[in-house]
Every structure is written in C-alpha cells, then in structure tokens.
N, C-alpha and C. Protein backbone atom coordinates (compact mmCIF):
# COMPACT_ATOMS: atom_id res chain seq x y z
N MET A 1 0.83 -1.19 0.00
CA MET A 1 0.00 0.00 0.00
C MET A 1 0.87 1.25 0.00
N TYR A 2 0.38 2.27 -0.64
CA TYR A 2 1.08 3.53 -0.69
C TYR A 2 0.81 4.30 0.59
N GLN A 3 1.85 4.79 1.21
CA GLN A 3 1.69 5.57 2.43
C GLN A 3 2.40 6.91 2.24
N GLN A 4 1.62 7.95 2.40
CA GLN A 4 2.18 9.30 2.24
C GLN A 4 2.84 9.72 3.54
N LYS A 5 4.05 10.25 3.42
CA LYS A 5 4.75 10.74 4.59
C LYS A 5 4.47 12.21 4.76
N ASN A 6 4.25 12.61 6.00
CA ASN A 6 3.98 14.01 6.32
C ASN A 6 5.30 14.75 6.44
N SER A 7 5.50 15.75 5.57
CA SER A 7 6.73 16.53 5.65
C SER A 7 6.65 17.46 6.84
N GLY A 8 7.77 17.88 7.35
CA GLY A 8 7.83 18.75 8.51
C GLY A 8 7.29 20.14 8.25
N SER A 9 7.14 20.53 6.97
CA SER A 9 6.69 21.88 6.66
C SER A 9 5.19 22.04 6.76
N GLN A 10 4.44 20.94 6.76
CA GLN A 10 3.00 21.04 6.85
C GLN A 10 2.51 20.44 8.15
N SER A 11 1.54 21.09 8.74
CA SER A 11 0.95 20.61 9.98
C SER A 11 -0.03 19.49 9.65
N SER A 12 -0.13 18.52 10.53
CA SER A 12 -1.08 17.44 10.32
C SER A 12 -2.47 17.84 10.80
N SER A 13 -2.61 19.00 11.38
CA SER A 13 -3.90 19.48 11.87
C SER A 13 -4.75 19.96 10.71
N SER A 14 -6.00 19.54 10.68
CA SER A 14 -6.89 19.97 9.60
C SER A 14 -7.37 21.40 9.78
N SER A 15 -7.15 21.97 10.96
CA SER A 15 -7.61 23.33 11.20
C SER A 15 -6.56 24.39 10.87
N SER A 16 -5.42 23.97 10.37
CA SER A 16 -4.39 24.95 10.03
C SER A 16 -4.75 25.64 8.72
N THR A 17 -4.39 26.89 8.60
CA THR A 17 -4.67 27.68 7.41
C THR A 17 -3.40 27.79 6.58
N MET A 18 -3.49 27.46 5.31
CA MET A 18 -2.33 27.52 4.43
C MET A 18 -1.82 28.95 4.30
N VAL A 19 -2.72 29.91 4.22
CA VAL A 19 -2.35 31.32 4.12
C VAL A 19 -2.90 32.01 5.37
N PRO A 20 -2.05 32.21 6.38
CA PRO A 20 -2.54 32.77 7.65
C PRO A 20 -3.31 34.08 7.51
N GLU A 21 -2.96 34.88 6.51
CA GLU A 21 -3.63 36.15 6.31
C GLU A 21 -5.10 35.96 5.92
N ALA A 22 -5.47 34.78 5.45
CA ALA A 22 -6.84 34.51 5.02
C ALA A 22 -7.75 34.13 6.18
N ARG A 23 -7.21 33.88 7.35
CA ARG A 23 -8.00 33.43 8.50
C ARG A 23 -9.17 34.36 8.79
N GLY A 24 -8.94 35.66 8.82
CA GLY A 24 -10.00 36.63 9.11
C GLY A 24 -11.10 36.60 8.07
N ALA A 25 -10.72 36.53 6.80
CA ALA A 25 -11.71 36.50 5.72
C ALA A 25 -12.55 35.23 5.79
N LEU A 26 -11.91 34.10 6.11
CA LEU A 26 -12.66 32.85 6.22
C LEU A 26 -13.60 32.87 7.42
N ASP A 27 -13.16 33.44 8.52
CA ASP A 27 -14.03 33.56 9.69
C ASP A 27 -15.23 34.45 9.38
N ASN A 28 -14.99 35.57 8.69
CA ASN A 28 -16.10 36.45 8.31
C ASN A 28 -17.08 35.72 7.41
N MET A 29 -16.56 34.95 6.46
CA MET A 29 -17.41 34.20 5.55
C MET A 29 -18.25 33.18 6.33
N LYS A 30 -17.63 32.53 7.31
CA LYS A 30 -18.32 31.53 8.12
C LYS A 30 -19.52 32.15 8.84
N TYR A 31 -19.30 33.29 9.49
CA TYR A 31 -20.38 33.94 10.23
C TYR A 31 -21.45 34.49 9.28
N GLU A 32 -21.05 34.99 8.12
CA GLU A 32 -21.99 35.51 7.14
C GLU A 32 -22.89 34.38 6.63
N ILE A 33 -22.30 33.25 6.29
CA ILE A 33 -23.07 32.12 5.78
C ILE A 33 -23.98 31.56 6.87
N ALA A 34 -23.49 31.44 8.09
CA ALA A 34 -24.32 30.96 9.19
C ALA A 34 -25.53 31.87 9.36
N ASN A 35 -25.32 33.17 9.27
CA ASN A 35 -26.42 34.13 9.38
C ASN A 35 -27.42 33.94 8.25
N GLU A 36 -26.93 33.76 7.02
CA GLU A 36 -27.81 33.55 5.86
C GLU A 36 -28.64 32.28 6.02
N LEU A 37 -28.05 31.26 6.65
CA LEU A 37 -28.76 29.98 6.84
C LEU A 37 -29.64 29.99 8.08
N GLY A 38 -29.58 31.06 8.86
CA GLY A 38 -30.38 31.15 10.06
C GLY A 38 -29.83 30.32 11.21
N ILE A 39 -28.53 30.07 11.19
CA ILE A 39 -27.87 29.28 12.24
C ILE A 39 -27.21 30.24 13.20
N ASN A 40 -27.49 30.06 14.49
CA ASN A 40 -26.93 30.93 15.52
C ASN A 40 -25.51 30.47 15.84
N LEU A 41 -24.53 31.12 15.24
CA LEU A 41 -23.13 30.80 15.46
C LEU A 41 -22.53 31.92 16.29
N LYS A 42 -22.00 31.57 17.44
CA LYS A 42 -21.45 32.60 18.32
C LYS A 42 -19.93 32.61 18.24
N GLN A 43 -19.34 33.71 18.65
CA GLN A 43 -17.88 33.83 18.69
C GLN A 43 -17.35 32.83 19.71
N GLY A 44 -16.26 32.18 19.39
CA GLY A 44 -15.65 31.24 20.33
C GLY A 44 -16.19 29.83 20.16
N TYR A 45 -16.43 29.18 21.27
CA TYR A 45 -16.80 27.77 21.30
C TYR A 45 -18.21 27.54 20.78
N ASN A 46 -18.36 26.60 19.84
CA ASN A 46 -19.66 26.23 19.29
C ASN A 46 -19.86 24.72 19.35
N GLY A 47 -19.34 24.09 20.40
CA GLY A 47 -19.43 22.64 20.53
C GLY A 47 -20.84 22.11 20.67
N ASP A 48 -21.78 22.97 21.02
CA ASP A 48 -23.17 22.55 21.13
C ASP A 48 -23.91 22.61 19.80
N LEU A 49 -23.22 23.03 18.74
CA LEU A 49 -23.82 23.13 17.41
C LEU A 49 -23.91 21.73 16.81
N PRO A 50 -25.11 21.33 16.35
CA PRO A 50 -25.25 20.00 15.74
C PRO A 50 -24.34 19.88 14.51
N SER A 51 -23.83 18.69 14.28
CA SER A 51 -22.91 18.47 13.16
C SER A 51 -23.57 18.76 11.82
N ARG A 52 -24.86 18.56 11.72
CA ARG A 52 -25.57 18.85 10.47
C ARG A 52 -25.47 20.34 10.15
N GLN A 53 -25.67 21.19 11.14
CA GLN A 53 -25.59 22.63 10.92
C GLN A 53 -24.16 23.05 10.60
N ALA A 54 -23.19 22.49 11.32
CA ALA A 54 -21.79 22.80 11.03
C ALA A 54 -21.43 22.37 9.61
N GLY A 55 -21.97 21.24 9.19
CA GLY A 55 -21.73 20.75 7.83
C GLY A 55 -22.33 21.65 6.78
N TYR A 56 -23.52 22.17 7.05
CA TYR A 56 -24.13 23.12 6.13
C TYR A 56 -23.24 24.34 5.94
N ILE A 57 -22.75 24.86 7.04
CA ILE A 57 -21.90 26.06 6.98
C ILE A 57 -20.64 25.76 6.16
N GLY A 58 -19.97 24.66 6.49
CA GLY A 58 -18.75 24.29 5.76
C GLY A 58 -19.00 24.02 4.30
N GLY A 59 -20.10 23.36 3.99
CA GLY A 59 -20.44 23.06 2.60
C GLY A 59 -20.68 24.31 1.78
N TYR A 60 -21.41 25.25 2.37
CA TYR A 60 -21.66 26.51 1.67
C TYR A 60 -20.39 27.33 1.53
N MET A 61 -19.48 27.24 2.51
CA MET A 61 -18.20 27.94 2.38
C MET A 61 -17.42 27.40 1.19
N VAL A 62 -17.37 26.08 1.07
CA VAL A 62 -16.66 25.46 -0.05
C VAL A 62 -17.30 25.86 -1.37
N LYS A 63 -18.63 25.81 -1.42
CA LYS A 63 -19.34 26.20 -2.64
C LYS A 63 -19.01 27.63 -3.05
N ARG A 64 -19.02 28.53 -2.08
CA ARG A 64 -18.75 29.94 -2.38
C ARG A 64 -17.28 30.14 -2.82
N LEU A 65 -16.35 29.44 -2.17
CA LEU A 65 -14.94 29.55 -2.55
C LEU A 65 -14.70 29.03 -3.96
N ILE A 66 -15.38 27.94 -4.32
CA ILE A 66 -15.25 27.41 -5.69
C ILE A 66 -15.81 28.40 -6.70
N GLU A 67 -16.96 29.00 -6.39
CA GLU A 67 -17.54 30.00 -7.29
C GLU A 67 -16.59 31.18 -7.49
N GLN A 68 -15.96 31.64 -6.40
CA GLN A 68 -15.03 32.75 -6.49
C GLN A 68 -13.82 32.37 -7.35
N ALA A 69 -13.30 31.17 -7.17
CA ALA A 69 -12.16 30.72 -7.96
C ALA A 69 -12.53 30.61 -9.44
N GLU A 70 -13.71 30.12 -9.73
CA GLU A 70 -14.15 30.00 -11.12
C GLU A 70 -14.27 31.38 -11.76
N ARG A 71 -14.80 32.35 -11.02
CA ARG A 71 -14.91 33.71 -11.56
C ARG A 71 -13.53 34.30 -11.83
N GLN A 72 -12.59 34.04 -10.91
CA GLN A 72 -11.22 34.54 -11.10
C GLN A 72 -10.58 33.93 -12.33
N MET A 73 -10.77 32.63 -12.51
CA MET A 73 -10.17 31.94 -13.67
C MET A 73 -10.79 32.40 -14.98
N ALA A 74 -12.05 32.79 -14.92
CA ALA A 74 -12.74 33.27 -16.12
C ALA A 74 -12.39 34.72 -16.42
N GLY A 75 -11.67 35.36 -15.50
CA GLY A 75 -11.24 36.74 -15.72
C GLY A 75 -12.29 37.76 -15.39
N LYS A 76 -13.26 37.38 -14.55
CA LYS A 76 -14.33 38.33 -14.20
C LYS A 76 -14.06 38.93 -12.85
C-alpha cells in the first residue's frame, strides 16, 4: 500500500490555514453564511452546534470559494 509521509513543513492538523492572512476572511465568511442559513453561530466555542448545521456552513463555504475561484479563472 502507498503511504504518504507528512513533511515537517506542513501541519497534520486539519484546522491549520495555508495562508494565515486569510484566516479573518474565512471567519467572516463563516459567520456571514451561518447568518444567511439562520444558524446561531457565536464567537468562540460552538461545541453545542449540531454536526448537520456545522456541515451546512462548511459546505456553503466550499461552494462559495469554488464560485469565487471560477470567476477569477474566467477573468471576471
């Protein structure tokens, strides 16, 4: 079986941001999308949030990021 080795330059944590400067923009997007979906997302700990709602937020974030990338590639 093929096993990928983790290089020392990348964190194994899934919560790490590749571009640290983007953290604020992603957080803003998260709260904006949660608000649009009618999900009460508070600053800080949201461990009481059902996984379905967290998944909706994450899914819409990915959808919006893909749309933005497609617009950029199309030159718009």
